[in-house]
Structure formats: C-alpha cells, structure tokens
N, C-alpha and C. Protein backbone atom coordinates (compact mmCIF):
# COMPACT_ATOMS: atom_id res chain seq x y z
N MET A 1 25.85 123.35 105.48
CA MET A 1 26.92 123.41 105.13
C MET A 1 27.76 121.97 105.07
N ARG A 2 28.34 121.33 104.19
CA ARG A 2 28.93 119.99 103.70
C ARG A 2 30.19 119.91 103.53
N SER A 3 30.13 118.88 104.75
CA SER A 3 31.35 118.14 105.50
C SER A 3 32.82 117.96 103.45
N ARG A 4 33.79 119.20 104.15
CA ARG A 4 34.85 118.22 103.52
C ARG A 4 35.43 116.78 102.90
N ALA A 5 35.24 116.43 101.87
CA ALA A 5 35.96 115.70 101.27
C ALA A 5 36.79 115.82 100.93
N ALA A 6 38.12 114.00 100.67
CA ALA A 6 38.58 113.68 100.23
C ALA A 6 37.95 113.14 98.08
N PRO A 7 39.38 113.28 96.54
CA PRO A 7 38.45 113.80 96.07
C PRO A 7 38.99 111.53 95.95
N THR A 8 39.33 110.60 96.79
CA THR A 8 38.29 110.11 97.06
C THR A 8 37.30 109.06 97.54
N GLY A 9 36.25 110.35 98.30
CA GLY A 9 35.88 109.87 98.42
C GLY A 9 35.32 110.38 100.17
N ARG A 10 37.32 109.87 100.75
CA ARG A 10 36.80 109.62 101.93
C ARG A 10 37.21 110.86 102.74
N PRO A 11 36.79 110.94 104.34
CA PRO A 11 36.90 112.47 104.91
C PRO A 11 37.93 113.04 104.97
N PHE A 12 38.27 114.04 104.76
CA PHE A 12 39.49 114.10 104.88
C PHE A 12 40.44 114.09 105.46
N PHE A 13 40.25 113.02 106.60
CA PHE A 13 41.52 113.00 108.16
C PHE A 13 41.55 111.67 107.47
N LEU A 14 40.97 111.48 106.78
CA LEU A 14 41.07 109.63 106.35
C LEU A 14 41.94 108.90 104.44
N ALA A 15 42.37 110.87 104.47
CA ALA A 15 42.86 110.46 103.03
C ALA A 15 44.16 110.58 103.08
N GLY A 16 44.91 110.32 101.42
CA GLY A 16 46.34 110.12 101.30
C GLY A 16 47.21 109.10 102.74
N ASP A 17 47.73 109.32 103.34
CA ASP A 17 48.62 108.65 104.24
C ASP A 17 48.83 109.03 105.29
N MET A 18 47.37 109.50 105.67
CA MET A 18 47.63 110.24 107.45
C MET A 18 46.43 108.67 107.96
N ALA A 19 45.68 108.17 107.17
CA ALA A 19 45.20 107.11 107.34
C ALA A 19 46.68 105.69 107.75
N ARG A 20 48.29 105.90 107.05
CA ARG A 20 48.74 104.56 107.04
C ARG A 20 50.02 105.35 108.49
N LYS A 21 49.52 106.02 109.14
CA LYS A 21 50.99 107.19 109.93
C LYS A 21 51.54 105.81 109.79
N HIS A 22 50.80 104.91 110.89
CA HIS A 22 51.06 104.41 112.15
C HIS A 22 52.01 102.23 111.49
N VAL A 23 51.80 102.42 110.52
CA VAL A 23 51.30 100.80 109.26
C VAL A 23 53.41 100.87 109.63
N ASN A 24 53.73 99.46 109.44
CA ASN A 24 55.03 99.44 110.58
C ASN A 24 55.41 99.06 108.99
N LEU A 25 56.83 99.24 108.05
CA LEU A 25 56.02 98.37 106.85
C LEU A 25 57.85 97.42 106.57
N GLY A 26 57.40 97.61 108.28
CA GLY A 26 58.64 95.80 107.95
C GLY A 26 60.73 96.90 107.96
N THR A 27 60.06 97.74 108.16
CA THR A 27 61.37 98.55 108.19
C THR A 27 61.88 97.93 110.14
N ALA A 28 61.05 98.42 110.94
CA ALA A 28 60.92 97.02 111.90
C ALA A 28 61.42 96.05 112.80
N PRO A 29 62.40 95.67 113.21
CA PRO A 29 62.92 94.36 113.86
C PRO A 29 62.17 93.47 114.22
N ALA A 30 61.32 92.41 114.99
CA ALA A 30 60.62 92.06 115.24
C ALA A 30 61.43 92.20 116.95
N LYS A 31 60.39 91.85 118.02
CA LYS A 31 60.81 92.19 119.27
C LYS A 31 61.32 90.67 120.18
N SER A 32 61.37 89.43 119.52
CA SER A 32 62.86 88.20 118.96
C SER A 32 63.89 88.42 119.28
N ASP A 33 64.21 89.60 118.34
CA ASP A 33 65.70 89.30 117.72
C ASP A 33 66.29 91.61 118.46
N LEU A 34 64.90 91.74 119.44
CA LEU A 34 65.42 92.73 120.14
C LEU A 34 66.39 92.17 122.03
N PRO A 35 66.92 93.31 122.31
CA PRO A 35 67.81 92.64 123.41
C PRO A 35 66.94 92.35 124.48
N GLN A 36 67.01 91.82 125.50
CA GLN A 36 65.51 91.22 126.37
C GLN A 36 67.21 91.65 128.08
N LYS A 37 66.28 91.76 129.24
CA LYS A 37 66.57 92.45 130.12
C LYS A 37 65.58 91.40 131.32
N PHE A 38 65.56 91.62 132.20
CA PHE A 38 64.72 90.56 133.36
C PHE A 38 64.88 91.90 135.10
N CYS A 39 63.29 92.77 134.31
CA CYS A 39 63.16 93.48 135.90
C CYS A 39 63.73 92.86 137.31
N ALA A 40 64.84 94.28 137.78
CA ALA A 40 64.11 94.37 139.21
C ALA A 40 63.62 94.40 140.13
N ALA A 41 62.24 94.56 139.86
CA ALA A 41 60.75 94.88 140.79
C ALA A 41 59.92 93.12 140.83
N CYS A 42 59.72 93.46 139.24
CA CYS A 42 59.23 92.30 139.03
C CYS A 42 59.18 91.20 138.96
N GLY A 43 60.61 90.59 137.61
CA GLY A 43 61.04 89.35 137.81
C GLY A 43 60.86 89.28 135.84
N LEU A 44 60.29 90.00 135.90
CA LEU A 44 59.29 90.22 133.87
C LEU A 44 61.06 90.06 132.87
N PRO A 45 60.48 89.62 131.90
CA PRO A 45 61.26 90.20 130.35
C PRO A 45 60.73 91.67 130.05
N PHE A 46 61.30 92.63 129.88
CA PHE A 46 60.92 93.24 128.84
C PHE A 46 62.79 93.41 127.83
N ALA A 47 62.03 93.76 127.23
CA ALA A 47 62.84 94.42 125.08
C ALA A 47 63.04 95.60 125.49
N TRP A 48 63.66 95.54 124.92
CA TRP A 48 64.89 96.69 124.46
C TRP A 48 63.47 97.82 123.77
N ARG A 49 64.52 99.43 124.44
CA ARG A 49 62.88 99.77 122.91
C ARG A 49 64.37 102.03 123.19
N LYS A 50 63.51 101.50 121.81
CA LYS A 50 64.36 103.20 121.26
C LYS A 50 64.62 104.24 122.52
N LYS A 51 63.41 104.32 123.93
CA LYS A 51 63.67 105.32 123.99
C LYS A 51 65.98 105.45 125.52
N TRP A 52 65.90 104.36 125.39
CA TRP A 52 66.42 103.44 126.33
C TRP A 52 67.79 102.91 125.58
N ALA A 53 68.82 103.76 124.26
CA ALA A 53 69.77 103.24 123.56
C ALA A 53 70.56 103.77 123.85
N ARG A 54 70.45 105.31 124.75
CA ARG A 54 71.63 105.64 124.94
C ARG A 54 72.51 104.86 126.31
N ASP A 55 70.97 104.52 127.34
CA ASP A 55 71.19 104.18 128.60
C ASP A 55 71.01 102.85 128.75
N TRP A 56 70.68 102.08 128.10
CA TRP A 56 70.69 100.16 128.12
C TRP A 56 71.35 100.23 128.99
N ASP A 57 72.41 100.35 128.33
CA ASP A 57 73.40 99.54 130.48
C ASP A 57 72.44 99.90 131.26
N GLN A 58 72.79 100.60 131.77
CA GLN A 58 71.53 101.87 133.05
C GLN A 58 70.80 101.34 133.51
N VAL A 59 69.47 100.21 132.06
CA VAL A 59 68.38 99.91 132.28
C VAL A 59 68.30 99.31 133.66
N ARG A 60 66.86 99.62 134.26
CA ARG A 60 67.03 97.87 135.20
C ARG A 60 65.31 97.70 135.32
N PHE A 61 64.57 98.95 134.97
CA PHE A 61 63.53 98.13 135.96
C PHE A 61 62.63 98.60 133.52
N CYS A 62 61.31 97.43 134.02
CA CYS A 62 59.98 97.66 132.95
C CYS A 62 59.94 98.88 132.86
N SER A 63 59.08 99.55 134.36
CA SER A 63 57.44 100.69 133.51
C SER A 63 58.59 100.87 134.85
N ASP A 64 58.00 102.56 135.72
CA ASP A 64 57.99 103.79 136.14
C ASP A 64 57.35 102.59 137.33
N ARG A 65 56.08 101.86 137.41
CA ARG A 65 55.91 101.16 138.66
C ARG A 65 56.87 101.03 139.38
N CYS A 66 57.01 100.10 138.89
CA CYS A 66 58.52 98.57 138.99
C CYS A 66 59.39 100.12 139.48
N ARG A 67 59.55 100.83 138.73
CA ARG A 67 61.44 101.66 139.09
C ARG A 67 60.90 102.55 140.21
N ALA A 68 59.43 102.54 140.75
CA ALA A 68 58.88 103.17 142.27
C ALA A 68 58.93 102.68 143.06
N LYS A 69 57.90 100.88 142.52
CA LYS A 69 58.79 99.65 144.09
C LYS A 69 60.04 99.73 144.80
N GLY A 70 60.76 99.78 143.67
CA GLY A 70 61.98 99.43 144.57
C GLY A 70 62.62 97.61 143.97
N ALA A 71 64.31 98.10 143.17
CA ALA A 71 64.65 95.82 143.50
C ALA A 71 64.22 95.01 144.85
N SER A 72 63.64 94.04 144.57
CA SER A 72 63.36 93.03 145.39
C SER A 72 64.59 92.59 146.78
N GLU A 73 64.20 92.22 146.89
CA GLU A 73 65.63 91.70 147.93
C GLU A 73 66.04 90.24 146.97
N GLU A 74 65.39 89.86 146.68
CA GLU A 74 66.12 88.52 146.24
C GLU A 74 66.90 89.08 144.95
N ARG A 75 66.43 90.34 143.91
CA ARG A 75 66.56 90.46 142.55
C ARG A 75 68.46 92.61 142.51
N ARG A 76 68.58 92.25 144.28
CA ARG A 76 69.57 93.48 143.70
C ARG A 76 69.99 92.84 143.94
C-alpha cells in the first residue's frame, strides 16, 4: 500500500495551509499592548485573553487553580 502524498512531495497532512494554520501573521497585538491585572490569589500579573472579552471587569484570578484557592487575605 502506497502512502498518500501531496503534489509537493510532502505527506498529505502537511500539504498546503494545514501546516501553517497556527502561525501568527501579525494580526494579533503584542502581549505587552494588552491590558493587565494582578491575580487576587497569587499576586502575579496576567494579561487579557479573548475568552474574557465579555467580562474582563469581573475577572479576578489568573487561572482555575487560583480561583479554587480563593483570594488571599491581603488581596481581598
């Protein structure tokens, strides 16, 4: 049985745009240009994420782990 190959000679799963679908083509802003907050649990800074776009004002924790841990006493 022969393996399927694209006309370019590469395997079919690397042919065309499939191999480059996660490449940033300069459309996303730099991380330093995004708004930042400090986590209420660990105190480390974290940057805005697209999934938080609707409720960025209510986001207090940088991760699920910190949210489960809760806000520390000095950061409430």
